[in-house]
All heavy atoms as atom14 arrays in JSON, in Angstrom:
{
  "sequence": "DVYLSRPGVAPLVELVWAARRTMRTIRGSLGVSL",
  "atom14_mask": [
    [1, 1, 1, 1, 1, 1, 1, 1, 0, 0, 0, 0, 0, 0],
    [1, 1, 1, 1, 1, 1, 1, 0, 0, 0, 0, 0, 0, 0],
    [1, 1, 1, 1, 1, 1, 1, 1, 1, 1, 1, 1, 0, 0],
    [1, 1, 1, 1, 1, 1, 1, 1, 0, 0, 0, 0, 0, 0],
    [1, 1, 1, 1, 1, 1, 0, 0, 0, 0, 0, 0, 0, 0],
    [1, 1, 1, 1, 1, 1, 1, 1, 1, 1, 1, 0, 0, 0],
    [1, 1, 1, 1, 1, 1, 1, 0, 0, 0, 0, 0, 0, 0],
    [1, 1, 1, 1, 0, 0, 0, 0, 0, 0, 0, 0, 0, 0],
    [1, 1, 1, 1, 1, 1, 1, 0, 0, 0, 0, 0, 0, 0],
    [1, 1, 1, 1, 1, 0, 0, 0, 0, 0, 0, 0, 0, 0],
    [1, 1, 1, 1, 1, 1, 1, 0, 0, 0, 0, 0, 0, 0],
    [1, 1, 1, 1, 1, 1, 1, 1, 0, 0, 0, 0, 0, 0],
    [1, 1, 1, 1, 1, 1, 1, 0, 0, 0, 0, 0, 0, 0],
    [1, 1, 1, 1, 1, 1, 1, 1, 1, 0, 0, 0, 0, 0],
    [1, 1, 1, 1, 1, 1, 1, 1, 0, 0, 0, 0, 0, 0],
    [1, 1, 1, 1, 1, 1, 1, 0, 0, 0, 0, 0, 0, 0],
    [1, 1, 1, 1, 1, 1, 1, 1, 1, 1, 1, 1, 1, 1],
    [1, 1, 1, 1, 1, 0, 0, 0, 0, 0, 0, 0, 0, 0],
    [1, 1, 1, 1, 1, 0, 0, 0, 0, 0, 0, 0, 0, 0],
    [1, 1, 1, 1, 1, 1, 1, 1, 1, 1, 1, 0, 0, 0],
    [1, 1, 1, 1, 1, 1, 1, 1, 1, 1, 1, 0, 0, 0],
    [1, 1, 1, 1, 1, 1, 1, 0, 0, 0, 0, 0, 0, 0],
    [1, 1, 1, 1, 1, 1, 1, 1, 0, 0, 0, 0, 0, 0],
    [1, 1, 1, 1, 1, 1, 1, 1, 1, 1, 1, 0, 0, 0],
    [1, 1, 1, 1, 1, 1, 1, 0, 0, 0, 0, 0, 0, 0],
    [1, 1, 1, 1, 1, 1, 1, 1, 0, 0, 0, 0, 0, 0],
    [1, 1, 1, 1, 1, 1, 1, 1, 1, 1, 1, 0, 0, 0],
    [1, 1, 1, 1, 0, 0, 0, 0, 0, 0, 0, 0, 0, 0],
    [1, 1, 1, 1, 1, 1, 0, 0, 0, 0, 0, 0, 0, 0],
    [1, 1, 1, 1, 1, 1, 1, 1, 0, 0, 0, 0, 0, 0],
    [1, 1, 1, 1, 0, 0, 0, 0, 0, 0, 0, 0, 0, 0],
    [1, 1, 1, 1, 1, 1, 1, 0, 0, 0, 0, 0, 0, 0],
    [1, 1, 1, 1, 1, 1, 0, 0, 0, 0, 0, 0, 0, 0],
    [1, 1, 1, 1, 1, 1, 1, 1, 0, 0, 0, 0, 0, 0]
  ],
  "atom14_positions": [
    [[8.33, 5.44, 3.77], [7.05, 5.02, 3.22], [6.04, 4.79, 4.34], [4.86, 5.06, 4.18], [7.21, 3.73, 2.42], [7.95, 3.94, 1.12], [7.87, 5.06, 0.58], [8.61, 3.01, 0.65], [0.0, 0.0, 0.0], [0.0, 0.0, 0.0], [0.0, 0.0, 0.0], [0.0, 0.0, 0.0], [0.0, 0.0, 0.0], [0.0, 0.0, 0.0]],
    [[6.52, 4.27, 5.45], [5.66, 3.98, 6.6], [6.4, 4.38, 7.86], [7.6, 4.13, 7.99], [5.32, 2.46, 6.66], [4.54, 2.14, 7.9], [4.57, 2.03, 5.43], [0.0, 0.0, 0.0], [0.0, 0.0, 0.0], [0.0, 0.0, 0.0], [0.0, 0.0, 0.0], [0.0, 0.0, 0.0], [0.0, 0.0, 0.0], [0.0, 0.0, 0.0]],
    [[5.68, 4.97, 8.8], [6.24, 5.31, 10.09], [5.3, 4.77, 11.16], [4.13, 5.12, 11.2], [6.39, 6.83, 10.23], [6.8, 7.26, 11.6], [8.07, 7.02, 12.08], [5.9, 7.9, 12.44], [8.46, 7.4, 13.34], [6.27, 8.3, 13.71], [7.55, 8.04, 14.15], [7.91, 8.43, 15.42], [0.0, 0.0, 0.0], [0.0, 0.0, 0.0]],
    [[5.82, 3.92, 12.02], [5.03, 3.34, 13.1], [5.4, 4.07, 14.38], [6.54, 4.03, 14.83], [5.3, 1.84, 13.23], [5.01, 1.01, 11.97], [5.42, -0.43, 12.17], [3.55, 1.1, 11.61], [0.0, 0.0, 0.0], [0.0, 0.0, 0.0], [0.0, 0.0, 0.0], [0.0, 0.0, 0.0], [0.0, 0.0, 0.0], [0.0, 0.0, 0.0]],
    [[4.43, 4.74, 14.98], [4.7, 5.54, 16.17], [4.49, 4.76, 17.47], [4.89, 5.22, 18.52], [3.83, 6.79, 16.18], [2.47, 6.42, 16.17], [0.0, 0.0, 0.0], [0.0, 0.0, 0.0], [0.0, 0.0, 0.0], [0.0, 0.0, 0.0], [0.0, 0.0, 0.0], [0.0, 0.0, 0.0], [0.0, 0.0, 0.0], [0.0, 0.0, 0.0]],
    [[3.87, 3.6, 17.39], [3.65, 2.79, 18.59], [4.62, 1.61, 18.59], [4.89, 1.03, 17.55], [2.21, 2.27, 18.63], [1.19, 3.39, 18.78], [-0.21, 2.83, 18.83], [-0.53, 2.25, 17.51], [-1.52, 1.4, 17.29], [-2.29, 1.01, 18.28], [-1.74, 0.93, 16.09], [0.0, 0.0, 0.0], [0.0, 0.0, 0.0], [0.0, 0.0, 0.0]],
    [[5.1, 1.23, 19.75], [6.03, 0.1, 19.81], [5.29, -1.23, 19.68], [4.07, -1.31, 19.88], [6.66, 0.24, 21.2], [5.63, 0.95, 22.01], [4.91, 1.87, 21.06], [0.0, 0.0, 0.0], [0.0, 0.0, 0.0], [0.0, 0.0, 0.0], [0.0, 0.0, 0.0], [0.0, 0.0, 0.0], [0.0, 0.0, 0.0], [0.0, 0.0, 0.0]],
    [[6.03, -2.25, 19.33], [5.46, -3.59, 19.27], [5.12, -4.02, 17.85], [5.35, -3.3, 16.88], [0.0, 0.0, 0.0], [0.0, 0.0, 0.0], [0.0, 0.0, 0.0], [0.0, 0.0, 0.0], [0.0, 0.0, 0.0], [0.0, 0.0, 0.0], [0.0, 0.0, 0.0], [0.0, 0.0, 0.0], [0.0, 0.0, 0.0], [0.0, 0.0, 0.0]],
    [[4.53, -5.2, 17.78], [4.2, -5.8, 16.5], [2.78, -5.45, 16.06], [2.46, -5.48, 14.87], [4.38, -7.34, 16.59], [4.05, -8.0, 15.28], [5.79, -7.69, 17.03], [0.0, 0.0, 0.0], [0.0, 0.0, 0.0], [0.0, 0.0, 0.0], [0.0, 0.0, 0.0], [0.0, 0.0, 0.0], [0.0, 0.0, 0.0], [0.0, 0.0, 0.0]],
    [[1.92, -5.06, 16.98], [0.51, -4.78, 16.67], [0.33, -3.73, 15.58], [-0.48, -3.93, 14.66], [-0.25, -4.38, 17.93], [0.0, 0.0, 0.0], [0.0, 0.0, 0.0], [0.0, 0.0, 0.0], [0.0, 0.0, 0.0], [0.0, 0.0, 0.0], [0.0, 0.0, 0.0], [0.0, 0.0, 0.0], [0.0, 0.0, 0.0], [0.0, 0.0, 0.0]],
    [[1.07, -2.62, 15.6], [0.9, -1.65, 14.51], [1.29, -2.22, 13.14], [0.68, -1.89, 12.13], [1.82, -0.5, 14.89], [2.06, -0.64, 16.33], [1.95, -2.1, 16.64], [0.0, 0.0, 0.0], [0.0, 0.0, 0.0], [0.0, 0.0, 0.0], [0.0, 0.0, 0.0], [0.0, 0.0, 0.0], [0.0, 0.0, 0.0], [0.0, 0.0, 0.0]],
    [[2.28, -3.08, 13.12], [2.7, -3.7, 11.87], [1.61, -4.64, 11.34], [1.33, -4.66, 10.14], [4.01, -4.45, 12.06], [4.65, -5.03, 10.82], [4.96, -3.93, 9.82], [5.89, -5.8, 11.18], [0.0, 0.0, 0.0], [0.0, 0.0, 0.0], [0.0, 0.0, 0.0], [0.0, 0.0, 0.0], [0.0, 0.0, 0.0], [0.0, 0.0, 0.0]],
    [[0.99, -5.38, 12.25], [-0.11, -6.27, 11.85], [-1.28, -5.45, 11.3], [-1.87, -5.8, 10.28], [-0.55, -7.15, 13.04], [-1.8, -7.94, 12.71], [0.59, -8.08, 13.45], [0.0, 0.0, 0.0], [0.0, 0.0, 0.0], [0.0, 0.0, 0.0], [0.0, 0.0, 0.0], [0.0, 0.0, 0.0], [0.0, 0.0, 0.0], [0.0, 0.0, 0.0]],
    [[-1.6, -4.34, 11.97], [-2.67, -3.47, 11.49], [-2.34, -2.9, 10.12], [-3.22, -2.79, 9.25], [-2.89, -2.32, 12.47], [-3.5, -2.75, 13.78], [-3.59, -1.59, 14.77], [-3.48, -0.42, 14.35], [-3.74, -1.86, 15.97], [0.0, 0.0, 0.0], [0.0, 0.0, 0.0], [0.0, 0.0, 0.0], [0.0, 0.0, 0.0], [0.0, 0.0, 0.0]],
    [[-1.08, -2.56, 9.9], [-0.65, -2.04, 8.61], [-0.82, -3.07, 7.5], [-1.3, -2.76, 6.41], [0.81, -1.59, 8.7], [1.41, -1.0, 7.43], [0.75, 0.32, 7.09], [2.91, -0.83, 7.6], [0.0, 0.0, 0.0], [0.0, 0.0, 0.0], [0.0, 0.0, 0.0], [0.0, 0.0, 0.0], [0.0, 0.0, 0.0], [0.0, 0.0, 0.0]],
    [[-0.47, -4.31, 7.78], [-0.61, -5.38, 6.79], [-2.09, -5.6, 6.46], [-2.47, -5.74, 5.3], [0.07, -6.67, 7.27], [-0.28, -7.85, 6.38], [1.58, -6.49, 7.34], [0.0, 0.0, 0.0], [0.0, 0.0, 0.0], [0.0, 0.0, 0.0], [0.0, 0.0, 0.0], [0.0, 0.0, 0.0], [0.0, 0.0, 0.0], [0.0, 0.0, 0.0]],
    [[-2.94, -5.64, 7.48], [-4.38, -5.83, 7.24], [-4.97, -4.67, 6.44], [-5.8, -4.87, 5.55], [-5.14, -6.01, 8.55], [-5.01, -7.38, 9.11], [-4.29, -7.77, 10.2], [-5.59, -8.58, 8.57], [-4.39, -9.12, 10.38], [-5.18, -9.65, 9.39], [-6.39, -8.86, 7.48], [-5.55, -10.96, 9.16], [-6.77, -10.17, 7.24], [-6.35, -11.2, 8.08]],
    [[-4.52, -3.45, 6.76], [-5.02, -2.29, 6.02], [-4.57, -2.34, 4.56], [-5.33, -2.0, 3.65], [-4.54, -1.0, 6.69], [0.0, 0.0, 0.0], [0.0, 0.0, 0.0], [0.0, 0.0, 0.0], [0.0, 0.0, 0.0], [0.0, 0.0, 0.0], [0.0, 0.0, 0.0], [0.0, 0.0, 0.0], [0.0, 0.0, 0.0], [0.0, 0.0, 0.0]],
    [[-3.34, -2.77, 4.34], [-2.85, -2.9, 2.96], [-3.64, -3.95, 2.2], [-3.96, -3.77, 1.01], [-1.37, -3.24, 2.97], [0.0, 0.0, 0.0], [0.0, 0.0, 0.0], [0.0, 0.0, 0.0], [0.0, 0.0, 0.0], [0.0, 0.0, 0.0], [0.0, 0.0, 0.0], [0.0, 0.0, 0.0], [0.0, 0.0, 0.0], [0.0, 0.0, 0.0]],
    [[-3.99, -5.04, 2.86], [-4.8, -6.08, 2.21], [-6.2, -5.58, 1.88], [-6.73, -5.87, 0.81], [-4.89, -7.32, 3.11], [-3.6, -8.09, 3.16], [-3.72, -9.32, 4.02], [-2.44, -10.02, 4.06], [-2.17, -11.0, 4.89], [-3.09, -11.42, 5.75], [-1.0, -11.58, 4.86], [0.0, 0.0, 0.0], [0.0, 0.0, 0.0], [0.0, 0.0, 0.0]],
    [[-6.8, -4.81, 2.79], [-8.12, -4.22, 2.52], [-8.04, -3.28, 1.32], [-8.93, -3.26, 0.47], [-8.63, -3.45, 3.74], [-9.25, -4.3, 4.81], [-10.04, -3.45, 5.81], [-9.34, -2.27, 6.28], [-8.61, -2.21, 7.4], [-8.5, -3.25, 8.18], [-8.04, -1.08, 7.76], [0.0, 0.0, 0.0], [0.0, 0.0, 0.0], [0.0, 0.0, 0.0]],
    [[-6.96, -2.5, 1.27], [-6.79, -1.57, 0.16], [-6.66, -2.31, -1.16], [-7.29, -1.93, -2.16], [-5.55, -0.69, 0.4], [-5.73, 0.03, 1.62], [-5.34, 0.29, -0.74], [0.0, 0.0, 0.0], [0.0, 0.0, 0.0], [0.0, 0.0, 0.0], [0.0, 0.0, 0.0], [0.0, 0.0, 0.0], [0.0, 0.0, 0.0], [0.0, 0.0, 0.0]],
    [[-5.87, -3.36, -1.18], [-5.7, -4.14, -2.41], [-7.01, -4.82, -2.8], [-7.34, -4.91, -3.99], [-4.59, -5.18, -2.25], [-3.21, -4.57, -2.24], [-2.85, -3.52, -3.67], [-2.96, -4.69, -4.99], [0.0, 0.0, 0.0], [0.0, 0.0, 0.0], [0.0, 0.0, 0.0], [0.0, 0.0, 0.0], [0.0, 0.0, 0.0], [0.0, 0.0, 0.0]],
    [[-7.78, -5.29, -1.83], [-9.09, -5.89, -2.11], [-10.02, -4.86, -2.75], [-10.74, -5.16, -3.7], [-9.7, -6.44, -0.83], [-10.89, -7.33, -1.06], [-11.45, -7.94, 0.23], [-10.44, -8.31, 1.19], [-10.4, -7.87, 2.46], [-11.33, -7.07, 2.91], [-9.45, -8.26, 3.28], [0.0, 0.0, 0.0], [0.0, 0.0, 0.0], [0.0, 0.0, 0.0]],
    [[-9.98, -3.63, -2.24], [-10.8, -2.56, -2.8], [-10.37, -2.23, -4.22], [-11.22, -2.07, -5.11], [-10.7, -1.3, -1.92], [-11.16, -1.61, -0.61], [-11.52, -0.16, -2.48], [0.0, 0.0, 0.0], [0.0, 0.0, 0.0], [0.0, 0.0, 0.0], [0.0, 0.0, 0.0], [0.0, 0.0, 0.0], [0.0, 0.0, 0.0], [0.0, 0.0, 0.0]],
    [[-9.08, -2.17, -4.46], [-8.57, -1.87, -5.8], [-8.98, -2.95, -6.78], [-9.47, -2.67, -7.88], [-7.04, -1.69, -5.77], [-6.68, -0.41, -5.02], [-6.45, -1.68, -7.18], [-5.2, -0.26, -4.73], [0.0, 0.0, 0.0], [0.0, 0.0, 0.0], [0.0, 0.0, 0.0], [0.0, 0.0, 0.0], [0.0, 0.0, 0.0], [0.0, 0.0, 0.0]],
    [[-8.78, -4.2, -6.39], [-9.14, -5.31, -7.29], [-10.64, -5.36, -7.55], [-11.08, -5.61, -8.67], [-8.66, -6.63, -6.7], [-7.17, -6.81, -6.79], [-6.76, -8.19, -6.3], [-5.32, -8.27, -6.17], [-4.67, -8.36, -5.02], [-5.33, -8.41, -3.88], [-3.36, -8.42, -5.01], [0.0, 0.0, 0.0], [0.0, 0.0, 0.0], [0.0, 0.0, 0.0]],
    [[-11.43, -5.13, -6.51], [-12.89, -5.12, -6.68], [-13.34, -4.01, -7.59], [-14.19, -4.22, -8.47], [0.0, 0.0, 0.0], [0.0, 0.0, 0.0], [0.0, 0.0, 0.0], [0.0, 0.0, 0.0], [0.0, 0.0, 0.0], [0.0, 0.0, 0.0], [0.0, 0.0, 0.0], [0.0, 0.0, 0.0], [0.0, 0.0, 0.0], [0.0, 0.0, 0.0]],
    [[-12.78, -2.83, -7.42], [-13.14, -1.69, -8.26], [-12.74, -1.94, -9.71], [-13.48, -1.61, -10.64], [-12.47, -0.41, -7.75], [-12.97, -0.07, -6.48], [0.0, 0.0, 0.0], [0.0, 0.0, 0.0], [0.0, 0.0, 0.0], [0.0, 0.0, 0.0], [0.0, 0.0, 0.0], [0.0, 0.0, 0.0], [0.0, 0.0, 0.0], [0.0, 0.0, 0.0]],
    [[-11.56, -2.51, -9.9], [-11.11, -2.82, -11.25], [-12.04, -3.85, -11.91], [-12.41, -3.7, -13.08], [-9.69, -3.35, -11.22], [-9.04, -3.64, -12.56], [-8.95, -2.38, -13.4], [-7.66, -4.24, -12.35], [0.0, 0.0, 0.0], [0.0, 0.0, 0.0], [0.0, 0.0, 0.0], [0.0, 0.0, 0.0], [0.0, 0.0, 0.0], [0.0, 0.0, 0.0]],
    [[-12.44, -4.87, -11.16], [-13.34, -5.88, -11.7], [-14.7, -5.32, -12.05], [-15.25, -5.61, -13.14], [0.0, 0.0, 0.0], [0.0, 0.0, 0.0], [0.0, 0.0, 0.0], [0.0, 0.0, 0.0], [0.0, 0.0, 0.0], [0.0, 0.0, 0.0], [0.0, 0.0, 0.0], [0.0, 0.0, 0.0], [0.0, 0.0, 0.0], [0.0, 0.0, 0.0]],
    [[-15.26, -4.51, -11.17], [-16.57, -3.9, -11.43], [-16.49, -3.0, -12.66], [-17.36, -3.05, -13.54], [-17.07, -3.11, -10.19], [-18.23, -2.22, -10.54], [-17.43, -4.07, -9.08], [0.0, 0.0, 0.0], [0.0, 0.0, 0.0], [0.0, 0.0, 0.0], [0.0, 0.0, 0.0], [0.0, 0.0, 0.0], [0.0, 0.0, 0.0], [0.0, 0.0, 0.0]],
    [[-15.45, -2.18, -12.72], [-15.3, -1.27, -13.85], [-15.11, -2.03, -15.16], [-15.71, -1.68, -16.18], [-14.1, -0.36, -13.62], [-13.89, 0.49, -14.71], [0.0, 0.0, 0.0], [0.0, 0.0, 0.0], [0.0, 0.0, 0.0], [0.0, 0.0, 0.0], [0.0, 0.0, 0.0], [0.0, 0.0, 0.0], [0.0, 0.0, 0.0], [0.0, 0.0, 0.0]],
    [[-14.31, -3.07, -15.13], [-14.08, -3.85, -16.34], [-15.37, -4.5, -16.83], [-15.72, -4.41, -18.01], [-13.02, -4.91, -16.09], [-12.61, -5.76, -17.27], [-11.95, -4.9, -18.34], [-11.67, -6.86, -16.83], [0.0, 0.0, 0.0], [0.0, 0.0, 0.0], [0.0, 0.0, 0.0], [0.0, 0.0, 0.0], [0.0, 0.0, 0.0], [0.0, 0.0, 0.0]]
  ]
}
């Protein structure tokens, strides 16, 4: 599902933040549409 090509924890933190942004966008779009 996910492949991190850089070592360390930083790519994982970036992945979590990106997932949160994506969920915020989904929820916002759903609210606006509703």
